[in-house]
Amino acid sequence: FTQEVPEGGKFVGAPMRYGMRLTWDGIGHHIGP
């Protein structure tokens, strides 16, 4: 949301397996370190 993807590059979202969304602005419960 705040950094531009380099030209020709890509953004890969962090895995959030078994995600359960609690808010529409990005808070949830999921597998993570």
Full PDB file with SEQRES, HELIX, SHEET, SSBOND, CRYST1, ORIGX, SCALE, CONECT and MASTER records, all heavy atoms in Angstrom:
SEQRES   1 A   33  PHE THR GLN GLU VAL PRO GLU GLY GLY LYS PHE VAL GLY          
SEQRES   2 A   33  ALA PRO MET ARG TYR GLY MET ARG LEU THR TRP ASP GLY          
SEQRES   3 A   33  ILE GLY HIS HIS ILE GLY PRO                                  
SHEET    1 AA1 2 MET A  20  ARG A  21  0                                        
SHEET    2 AA1 2 GLY A  28  HIS A  29 -1                                        
CRYST1    1.000    1.000    1.000  90.00  90.00  90.00 P 1           1          
ORIGX1      1.000000  0.000000  0.000000        0.00000                         
ORIGX2      0.000000  1.000000  0.000000        0.00000                         
ORIGX3      0.000000  0.000000  1.000000        0.00000                         
SCALE1      1.000000  0.000000  0.000000        0.00000                         
SCALE2      0.000000  1.000000  0.000000        0.00000                         
SCALE3      0.000000  0.000000  1.000000        0.00000                         
ATOM      1  N   PHE A   1       0.817  -1.212   0.000  1.00  0.00           N  
ATOM      2  CA  PHE A   1       0.000   0.000   0.000  1.00  0.00           C  
ATOM      3  C   PHE A   1       0.854   1.267   0.000  1.00  0.00           C  
ATOM      4  O   PHE A   1       0.378   2.325  -0.372  1.00  0.00           O  
ATOM      5  CB  PHE A   1      -0.935   0.030   1.202  1.00  0.00           C  
ATOM      6  CG  PHE A   1      -2.023  -1.019   1.185  1.00  0.00           C  
ATOM      7  CD1 PHE A   1      -2.093  -2.015   0.224  1.00  0.00           C  
ATOM      8  CD2 PHE A   1      -2.993  -1.007   2.160  1.00  0.00           C  
ATOM      9  CE1 PHE A   1      -3.090  -2.966   0.234  1.00  0.00           C  
ATOM     10  CE2 PHE A   1      -4.011  -1.959   2.177  1.00  0.00           C  
ATOM     11  CZ  PHE A   1      -4.055  -2.935   1.207  1.00  0.00           C  
ATOM     12  N   THR A   2       2.095   1.154   0.466  1.00  0.00           N  
ATOM     13  CA  THR A   2       2.951   2.348   0.566  1.00  0.00           C  
ATOM     14  C   THR A   2       4.207   2.276  -0.297  1.00  0.00           C  
ATOM     15  O   THR A   2       4.905   3.276  -0.424  1.00  0.00           O  
ATOM     16  CB  THR A   2       3.382   2.591   2.030  1.00  0.00           C  
ATOM     17  OG1 THR A   2       4.137   1.464   2.489  1.00  0.00           O  
ATOM     18  CG2 THR A   2       2.173   2.823   2.921  1.00  0.00           C  
ATOM     19  N   GLN A   3       4.515   1.115  -0.862  1.00  0.00           N  
ATOM     20  CA  GLN A   3       5.708   0.967  -1.685  1.00  0.00           C  
ATOM     21  C   GLN A   3       5.324   0.574  -3.104  1.00  0.00           C  
ATOM     22  O   GLN A   3       4.450  -0.274  -3.300  1.00  0.00           O  
ATOM     23  CB  GLN A   3       6.639  -0.086  -1.087  1.00  0.00           C  
ATOM     24  CG  GLN A   3       7.161   0.323   0.277  1.00  0.00           C  
ATOM     25  CD  GLN A   3       7.854  -0.823   0.974  1.00  0.00           C  
ATOM     26  OE1 GLN A   3       7.221  -1.815   1.295  1.00  0.00           O  
ATOM     27  NE2 GLN A   3       9.151  -0.671   1.187  1.00  0.00           N  
ATOM     28  N   GLU A   4       5.985   1.166  -4.047  1.00  0.00           N  
ATOM     29  CA  GLU A   4       5.702   0.888  -5.453  1.00  0.00           C  
ATOM     30  C   GLU A   4       6.447  -0.365  -5.896  1.00  0.00           C  
ATOM     31  O   GLU A   4       7.617  -0.558  -5.564  1.00  0.00           O  
ATOM     32  CB  GLU A   4       6.135   2.079  -6.307  1.00  0.00           C  
ATOM     33  CG  GLU A   4       5.547   2.044  -7.691  1.00  0.00           C  
ATOM     34  CD  GLU A   4       5.803   3.351  -8.432  1.00  0.00           C  
ATOM     35  OE1 GLU A   4       5.645   4.417  -7.824  1.00  0.00           O  
ATOM     36  OE2 GLU A   4       6.147   3.267  -9.622  1.00  0.00           O  
ATOM     37  N   VAL A   5       5.761  -1.214  -6.638  1.00  0.00           N  
ATOM     38  CA  VAL A   5       6.391  -2.409  -7.189  1.00  0.00           C  
ATOM     39  C   VAL A   5       7.352  -1.968  -8.293  1.00  0.00           C  
ATOM     40  O   VAL A   5       6.975  -1.172  -9.162  1.00  0.00           O  
ATOM     41  CB  VAL A   5       5.323  -3.374  -7.765  1.00  0.00           C  
ATOM     42  CG1 VAL A   5       5.973  -4.579  -8.417  1.00  0.00           C  
ATOM     43  CG2 VAL A   5       4.349  -3.806  -6.672  1.00  0.00           C  
ATOM     44  N   PRO A   6       8.597  -2.451  -8.268  1.00  0.00           N  
ATOM     45  CA  PRO A   6       9.549  -2.076  -9.315  1.00  0.00           C  
ATOM     46  C   PRO A   6       9.019  -2.466 -10.697  1.00  0.00           C  
ATOM     47  O   PRO A   6       8.303  -3.469 -10.836  1.00  0.00           O  
ATOM     48  CB  PRO A   6      10.795  -2.886  -8.969  1.00  0.00           C  
ATOM     49  CG  PRO A   6      10.650  -3.272  -7.544  1.00  0.00           C  
ATOM     50  CD  PRO A   6       9.178  -3.358  -7.286  1.00  0.00           C  
ATOM     51  N   GLU A   7       9.376  -1.688 -11.698  1.00  0.00           N  
ATOM     52  CA  GLU A   7       8.927  -1.970 -13.058  1.00  0.00           C  
ATOM     53  C   GLU A   7       9.325  -3.388 -13.450  1.00  0.00           C  
ATOM     54  O   GLU A   7      10.475  -3.793 -13.288  1.00  0.00           O  
ATOM     55  CB  GLU A   7       9.547  -0.970 -14.042  1.00  0.00           C  
ATOM     56  CG  GLU A   7       8.960  -1.102 -15.437  1.00  0.00           C  
ATOM     57  CD  GLU A   7       9.421   0.004 -16.368  1.00  0.00           C  
ATOM     58  OE1 GLU A   7       9.699   1.110 -15.880  1.00  0.00           O  
ATOM     59  OE2 GLU A   7       9.495  -0.272 -17.561  1.00  0.00           O  
ATOM     60  N   GLY A   8       8.356  -4.156 -13.907  1.00  0.00           N  
ATOM     61  CA  GLY A   8       8.593  -5.545 -14.293  1.00  0.00           C  
ATOM     62  C   GLY A   8       8.636  -6.501 -13.106  1.00  0.00           C  
ATOM     63  O   GLY A   8       8.751  -7.707 -13.284  1.00  0.00           O  
ATOM     64  N   GLY A   9       8.567  -5.961 -11.904  1.00  0.00           N  
ATOM     65  CA  GLY A   9       8.644  -6.770 -10.694  1.00  0.00           C  
ATOM     66  C   GLY A   9       7.282  -7.233 -10.229  1.00  0.00           C  
ATOM     67  O   GLY A   9       6.274  -7.084 -10.937  1.00  0.00           O  
ATOM     68  N   LYS A  10       7.260  -7.774  -9.027  1.00  0.00           N  
ATOM     69  CA  LYS A  10       5.982  -8.236  -8.486  1.00  0.00           C  
ATOM     70  C   LYS A  10       5.994  -8.198  -6.963  1.00  0.00           C  
ATOM     71  O   LYS A  10       7.038  -8.216  -6.323  1.00  0.00           O  
ATOM     72  CB  LYS A  10       5.653  -9.640  -8.973  1.00  0.00           C  
ATOM     73  CG  LYS A  10       6.603 -10.712  -8.469  1.00  0.00           C  
ATOM     74  CD  LYS A  10       6.179 -12.080  -8.988  1.00  0.00           C  
ATOM     75  CE  LYS A  10       7.165 -13.141  -8.511  1.00  0.00           C  
ATOM     76  NZ  LYS A  10       6.798 -14.476  -8.946  1.00  0.00           N  
ATOM     77  N   PHE A  11       4.796  -8.150  -6.423  1.00  0.00           N  
ATOM     78  CA  PHE A  11       4.568  -8.243  -4.987  1.00  0.00           C  
ATOM     79  C   PHE A  11       3.960  -9.615  -4.724  1.00  0.00           C  
ATOM     80  O   PHE A  11       3.021 -10.029  -5.410  1.00  0.00           O  
ATOM     81  CB  PHE A  11       3.603  -7.148  -4.522  1.00  0.00           C  
ATOM     82  CG  PHE A  11       3.119  -7.338  -3.117  1.00  0.00           C  
ATOM     83  CD1 PHE A  11       3.919  -6.978  -2.045  1.00  0.00           C  
ATOM     84  CD2 PHE A  11       1.878  -7.895  -2.858  1.00  0.00           C  
ATOM     85  CE1 PHE A  11       3.489  -7.169  -0.735  1.00  0.00           C  
ATOM     86  CE2 PHE A  11       1.439  -8.089  -1.558  1.00  0.00           C  
ATOM     87  CZ  PHE A  11       2.246  -7.722  -0.496  1.00  0.00           C  
ATOM     88  N   VAL A  12       4.500 -10.331  -3.738  1.00  0.00           N  
ATOM     89  CA  VAL A  12       3.954 -11.626  -3.341  1.00  0.00           C  
ATOM     90  C   VAL A  12       3.509 -11.506  -1.884  1.00  0.00           C  
ATOM     91  O   VAL A  12       4.329 -11.298  -0.990  1.00  0.00           O  
ATOM     92  CB  VAL A  12       5.003 -12.760  -3.492  1.00  0.00           C  
ATOM     93  CG1 VAL A  12       4.433 -14.085  -2.998  1.00  0.00           C  
ATOM     94  CG2 VAL A  12       5.467 -12.871  -4.937  1.00  0.00           C  
ATOM     95  N   GLY A  13       2.214 -11.607  -1.659  1.00  0.00           N  
ATOM     96  CA  GLY A  13       1.657 -11.461  -0.316  1.00  0.00           C  
ATOM     97  C   GLY A  13       2.110 -12.555   0.629  1.00  0.00           C  
ATOM     98  O   GLY A  13       2.291 -13.707   0.225  1.00  0.00           O  
ATOM     99  N   ALA A  14       2.295 -12.184   1.880  1.00  0.00           N  
ATOM    100  CA  ALA A  14       2.686 -13.152   2.914  1.00  0.00           C  
ATOM    101  C   ALA A  14       1.590 -14.205   3.059  1.00  0.00           C  
ATOM    102  O   ALA A  14       0.399 -13.881   3.049  1.00  0.00           O  
ATOM    103  CB  ALA A  14       2.912 -12.436   4.233  1.00  0.00           C  
ATOM    104  N   PRO A  15       1.986 -15.475   3.191  1.00  0.00           N  
ATOM    105  CA  PRO A  15       0.966 -16.515   3.372  1.00  0.00           C  
ATOM    106  C   PRO A  15       0.271 -16.364   4.720  1.00  0.00           C  
ATOM    107  O   PRO A  15       0.908 -16.059   5.724  1.00  0.00           O  
ATOM    108  CB  PRO A  15       1.773 -17.821   3.307  1.00  0.00           C  
ATOM    109  CG  PRO A  15       3.177 -17.440   3.620  1.00  0.00           C  
ATOM    110  CD  PRO A  15       3.339 -16.017   3.193  1.00  0.00           C  
ATOM    111  N   MET A  16      -1.037 -16.546   4.694  1.00  0.00           N  
ATOM    112  CA  MET A  16      -1.861 -16.459   5.910  1.00  0.00           C  
ATOM    113  C   MET A  16      -2.839 -17.632   5.899  1.00  0.00           C  
ATOM    114  O   MET A  16      -4.050 -17.463   5.963  1.00  0.00           O  
ATOM    115  CB  MET A  16      -2.599 -15.114   5.954  1.00  0.00           C  
ATOM    116  CG  MET A  16      -1.670 -13.942   5.926  1.00  0.00           C  
ATOM    117  SD  MET A  16      -2.388 -12.288   6.084  1.00  0.00           S  
ATOM    118  CE  MET A  16      -4.017 -12.412   5.454  1.00  0.00           C  
ATOM    119  N   ARG A  17      -2.266 -18.844   5.799  1.00  0.00           N  
ATOM    120  CA  ARG A  17      -3.091 -20.047   5.673  1.00  0.00           C  
ATOM    121  C   ARG A  17      -4.068 -20.194   6.838  1.00  0.00           C  
ATOM    122  O   ARG A  17      -3.786 -19.799   7.941  1.00  0.00           O  
ATOM    123  CB  ARG A  17      -2.202 -21.276   5.545  1.00  0.00           C  
ATOM    124  CG  ARG A  17      -1.467 -21.272   4.206  1.00  0.00           C  
ATOM    125  CD  ARG A  17      -0.745 -22.540   3.857  1.00  0.00           C  
ATOM    126  NE  ARG A  17      -1.379 -23.802   4.157  1.00  0.00           N  
ATOM    127  CZ  ARG A  17      -2.333 -24.385   3.438  1.00  0.00           C  
ATOM    128  NH1 ARG A  17      -2.819 -23.803   2.378  1.00  0.00           N  
ATOM    129  NH2 ARG A  17      -2.813 -25.562   3.786  1.00  0.00           N  
ATOM    130  N   TYR A  18      -5.194 -20.768   6.526  1.00  0.00           N  
ATOM    131  CA  TYR A  18      -6.294 -20.931   7.474  1.00  0.00           C  
ATOM    132  C   TYR A  18      -6.691 -19.583   8.058  1.00  0.00           C  
ATOM    133  O   TYR A  18      -6.896 -19.438   9.262  1.00  0.00           O  
ATOM    134  CB  TYR A  18      -5.969 -21.971   8.558  1.00  0.00           C  
ATOM    135  CG  TYR A  18      -5.895 -23.357   7.953  1.00  0.00           C  
ATOM    136  CD1 TYR A  18      -4.691 -23.874   7.487  1.00  0.00           C  
ATOM    137  CD2 TYR A  18      -7.051 -24.105   7.783  1.00  0.00           C  
ATOM    138  CE1 TYR A  18      -4.639 -25.121   6.871  1.00  0.00           C  
ATOM    139  CE2 TYR A  18      -7.008 -25.348   7.169  1.00  0.00           C  
ATOM    140  CZ  TYR A  18      -5.799 -25.847   6.719  1.00  0.00           C  
ATOM    141  OH  TYR A  18      -5.763 -27.069   6.106  1.00  0.00           O  
ATOM    142  N   GLY A  19      -6.817 -18.613   7.152  1.00  0.00           N  
ATOM    143  CA  GLY A  19      -7.141 -17.249   7.552  1.00  0.00           C  
ATOM    144  C   GLY A  19      -8.604 -17.059   7.905  1.00  0.00           C  
ATOM    145  O   GLY A  19      -9.497 -17.494   7.174  1.00  0.00           O  
ATOM    146  N   MET A  20      -8.809 -16.391   9.018  1.00  0.00           N  
ATOM    147  CA  MET A  20     -10.153 -16.013   9.454  1.00  0.00           C  
ATOM    148  C   MET A  20     -10.140 -14.503   9.660  1.00  0.00           C  
ATOM    149  O   MET A  20      -9.488 -13.999  10.576  1.00  0.00           O  
ATOM    150  CB  MET A  20     -10.520 -16.742  10.756  1.00  0.00           C  
ATOM    151  CG  MET A  20     -10.616 -18.242  10.569  1.00  0.00           C  
ATOM    152  SD  MET A  20     -10.976 -19.150  12.101  1.00  0.00           S  
ATOM    153  CE  MET A  20      -9.344 -19.159  12.861  1.00  0.00           C  
ATOM    154  N   ARG A  21     -10.827 -13.795   8.786  1.00  0.00           N  
ATOM    155  CA  ARG A  21     -10.850 -12.326   8.822  1.00  0.00           C  
ATOM    156  C   ARG A  21     -11.743 -11.845   9.956  1.00  0.00           C  
ATOM    157  O   ARG A  21     -12.881 -12.291  10.095  1.00  0.00           O  
ATOM    158  CB  ARG A  21     -11.363 -11.793   7.489  1.00  0.00           C  
ATOM    159  CG  ARG A  21     -11.404 -10.281   7.409  1.00  0.00           C  
ATOM    160  CD  ARG A  21     -11.984  -9.809   6.093  1.00  0.00           C  
ATOM    161  NE  ARG A  21     -11.122 -10.086   4.972  1.00  0.00           N  
ATOM    162  CZ  ARG A  21     -10.089  -9.326   4.589  1.00  0.00           C  
ATOM    163  NH1 ARG A  21      -9.795  -8.234   5.272  1.00  0.00           N  
ATOM    164  NH2 ARG A  21      -9.383  -9.641   3.540  1.00  0.00           N  
ATOM    165  N   LEU A  22     -11.207 -10.893  10.754  1.00  0.00           N  
ATOM    166  CA  LEU A  22     -11.973 -10.313  11.856  1.00  0.00           C  
ATOM    167  C   LEU A  22     -12.436  -8.902  11.547  1.00  0.00           C  
ATOM    168  O   LEU A  22     -13.423  -8.438  12.120  1.00  0.00           O  
ATOM    169  CB  LEU A  22     -11.143 -10.305  13.137  1.00  0.00           C  
ATOM    170  CG  LEU A  22     -10.579 -11.655  13.584  1.00  0.00           C  
ATOM    171  CD1 LEU A  22      -9.808 -11.501  14.892  1.00  0.00           C  
ATOM    172  CD2 LEU A  22     -11.680 -12.687  13.715  1.00  0.00           C  
ATOM    173  N   THR A  23     -11.702  -8.181  10.688  1.00  0.00           N  
ATOM    174  CA  THR A  23     -12.093  -6.827  10.285  1.00  0.00           C  
ATOM    175  C   THR A  23     -11.874  -6.688   8.790  1.00  0.00           C  
ATOM    176  O   THR A  23     -11.034  -7.389   8.204  1.00  0.00           O  
ATOM    177  CB  THR A  23     -11.254  -5.729  11.001  1.00  0.00           C  
ATOM    178  OG1 THR A  23      -9.923  -5.744  10.483  1.00  0.00           O  
ATOM    179  CG2 THR A  23     -11.257  -5.916  12.507  1.00  0.00           C  
ATOM    180  N   TRP A  24     -12.577  -5.759   8.176  1.00  0.00           N  
ATOM    181  CA  TRP A  24     -12.396  -5.534   6.742  1.00  0.00           C  
ATOM    182  C   TRP A  24     -11.156  -4.694   6.454  1.00  0.00           C  
ATOM    183  O   TRP A  24     -10.785  -4.533   5.305  1.00  0.00           O  
ATOM    184  CB  TRP A  24     -13.646  -4.901   6.128  1.00  0.00           C  
ATOM    185  CG  TRP A  24     -14.786  -5.859   6.080  1.00  0.00           C  
ATOM    186  CD1 TRP A  24     -15.983  -5.751   6.727  1.00  0.00           C  
ATOM    187  CD2 TRP A  24     -14.850  -7.094   5.368  1.00  0.00           C  
ATOM    188  NE1 TRP A  24     -16.775  -6.841   6.469  1.00  0.00           N  
ATOM    189  CE2 TRP A  24     -16.102  -7.680   5.631  1.00  0.00           C  
ATOM    190  CE3 TRP A  24     -13.966  -7.795   4.534  1.00  0.00           C  
ATOM    191  CZ2 TRP A  24     -16.494  -8.910   5.091  1.00  0.00           C  
ATOM    192  CZ3 TRP A  24     -14.350  -9.017   4.001  1.00  0.00           C  
ATOM    193  CH2 TRP A  24     -15.598  -9.559   4.273  1.00  0.00           C  
ATOM    194  N   ASP A  25     -10.505  -4.171   7.503  1.00  0.00           N  
ATOM    195  CA  ASP A  25      -9.277  -3.416   7.264  1.00  0.00           C  
ATOM    196  C   ASP A  25      -8.024  -4.223   7.595  1.00  0.00           C  
ATOM    197  O   ASP A  25      -6.969  -3.671   7.874  1.00  0.00           O  
ATOM    198  CB  ASP A  25      -9.285  -2.062   7.991  1.00  0.00           C  
ATOM    199  CG  ASP A  25      -9.415  -2.181   9.496  1.00  0.00           C  
ATOM    200  OD1 ASP A  25      -9.660  -3.295  10.003  1.00  0.00           O  
ATOM    201  OD2 ASP A  25      -9.268  -1.152  10.170  1.00  0.00           O  
ATOM    202  N   GLY A  26      -8.117  -5.547   7.539  1.00  0.00           N  
ATOM    203  CA  GLY A  26      -6.912  -6.361   7.519  1.00  0.00           C  
ATOM    204  C   GLY A  26      -6.534  -7.148   8.747  1.00  0.00           C  
ATOM    205  O   GLY A  26      -5.463  -7.744   8.785  1.00  0.00           O  
ATOM    206  N   ILE A  27      -7.370  -7.228   9.754  1.00  0.00           N  
ATOM    207  CA  ILE A  27      -7.002  -7.997  10.947  1.00  0.00           C  
ATOM    208  C   ILE A  27      -7.676  -9.361  10.896  1.00  0.00           C  
ATOM    209  O   ILE A  27      -8.871  -9.469  10.643  1.00  0.00           O  
ATOM    210  CB  ILE A  27      -7.377  -7.238  12.235  1.00  0.00           C  
ATOM    211  CG1 ILE A  27      -6.595  -5.928  12.280  1.00  0.00           C  
ATOM    212  CG2 ILE A  27      -7.089  -8.091  13.463  1.00  0.00           C  
ATOM    213  CD1 ILE A  27      -6.996  -4.994  13.380  1.00  0.00           C  
ATOM    214  N   GLY A  28      -6.869 -10.388  11.128  1.00  0.00           N  
ATOM    215  CA  GLY A  28      -7.389 -11.742  11.104  1.00  0.00           C  
ATOM    216  C   GLY A  28      -6.583 -12.663  11.991  1.00  0.00           C  
ATOM    217  O   GLY A  28      -5.662 -12.238  12.695  1.00  0.00           O  
ATOM    218  N   HIS A  29      -6.931 -13.930  11.957  1.00  0.00           N  
ATOM    219  CA  HIS A  29      -6.243 -14.974  12.727  1.00  0.00           C  
ATOM    220  C   HIS A  29      -5.869 -16.057  11.739  1.00  0.00           C  
ATOM    221  O   HIS A  29      -6.720 -16.522  10.970  1.00  0.00           O  
ATOM    222  CB  HIS A  29      -7.194 -15.499  13.799  1.00  0.00           C  
ATOM    223  CG  HIS A  29      -6.580 -16.439  14.789  1.00  0.00           C  
ATOM    224  ND1 HIS A  29      -5.242 -16.470  15.096  1.00  0.00           N  
ATOM    225  CD2 HIS A  29      -7.153 -17.398  15.571  1.00  0.00           C  
ATOM    226  CE1 HIS A  29      -5.012 -17.396  16.015  1.00  0.00           C  
ATOM    227  NE2 HIS A  29      -6.170 -17.975  16.318  1.00  0.00           N  
ATOM    228  N   HIS A  30      -4.586 -16.438  11.720  1.00  0.00           N  
ATOM    229  CA  HIS A  30      -4.086 -17.371  10.714  1.00  0.00           C  
ATOM    230  C   HIS A  30      -2.796 -18.017  11.186  1.00  0.00           C  
ATOM    231  O   HIS A  30      -2.211 -17.607  12.195  1.00  0.00           O  
ATOM    232  CB  HIS A  30      -3.868 -16.660   9.380  1.00  0.00           C  
ATOM    233  CG  HIS A  30      -2.952 -15.473   9.479  1.00  0.00           C  
ATOM    234  ND1 HIS A  30      -1.576 -15.584   9.519  1.00  0.00           N  
ATOM    235  CD2 HIS A  30      -3.216 -14.147   9.568  1.00  0.00           C  
ATOM    236  CE1 HIS A  30      -1.038 -14.393   9.614  1.00  0.00           C  
ATOM    237  NE2 HIS A  30      -2.009 -13.492   9.652  1.00  0.00           N  
ATOM    238  N   ILE A  31      -2.319 -19.007  10.441  1.00  0.00           N  
ATOM    239  CA  ILE A  31      -1.017 -19.613  10.719  1.00  0.00           C  
ATOM    240  C   ILE A  31       0.056 -18.557  10.510  1.00  0.00           C  
ATOM    241  O   ILE A  31       0.010 -17.791   9.549  1.00  0.00           O  
ATOM    242  CB  ILE A  31      -0.748 -20.808   9.783  1.00  0.00           C  
ATOM    243  CG1 ILE A  31      -1.670 -21.985  10.125  1.00  0.00           C  
ATOM    244  CG2 ILE A  31       0.719 -21.245   9.853  1.00  0.00           C  
ATOM    245  CD1 ILE A  31      -1.562 -23.158   9.167  1.00  0.00           C  
ATOM    246  N   GLY A  32       1.021 -18.527  11.414  1.00  0.00           N  
ATOM    247  CA  GLY A  32       2.140 -17.605  11.275  1.00  0.00           C  
ATOM    248  C   GLY A  32       3.190 -17.881  12.326  1.00  0.00           C  
ATOM    249  O   GLY A  32       2.932 -18.580  13.313  1.00  0.00           O  
ATOM    250  N   PRO A  33       4.387 -17.339  12.103  1.00  0.00           N  
ATOM    251  CA  PRO A  33       5.471 -17.593  13.046  1.00  0.00           C  
ATOM    252  C   PRO A  33       5.205 -16.997  14.426  1.00  0.00           C  
ATOM    253  O   PRO A  33       4.717 -15.881  14.548  1.00  0.00           O  
ATOM    254  CB  PRO A  33       6.693 -16.936  12.398  1.00  0.00           C  
ATOM    255  CG  PRO A  33       6.157 -16.020  11.356  1.00  0.00           C  
ATOM    256  CD  PRO A  33       4.790 -16.492  10.989  1.00  0.00           C  
TER     257      PRO A  33                                                      
MASTER        0    0    0    0    2    0    0    6  256    1    0    3          
END                                                                             
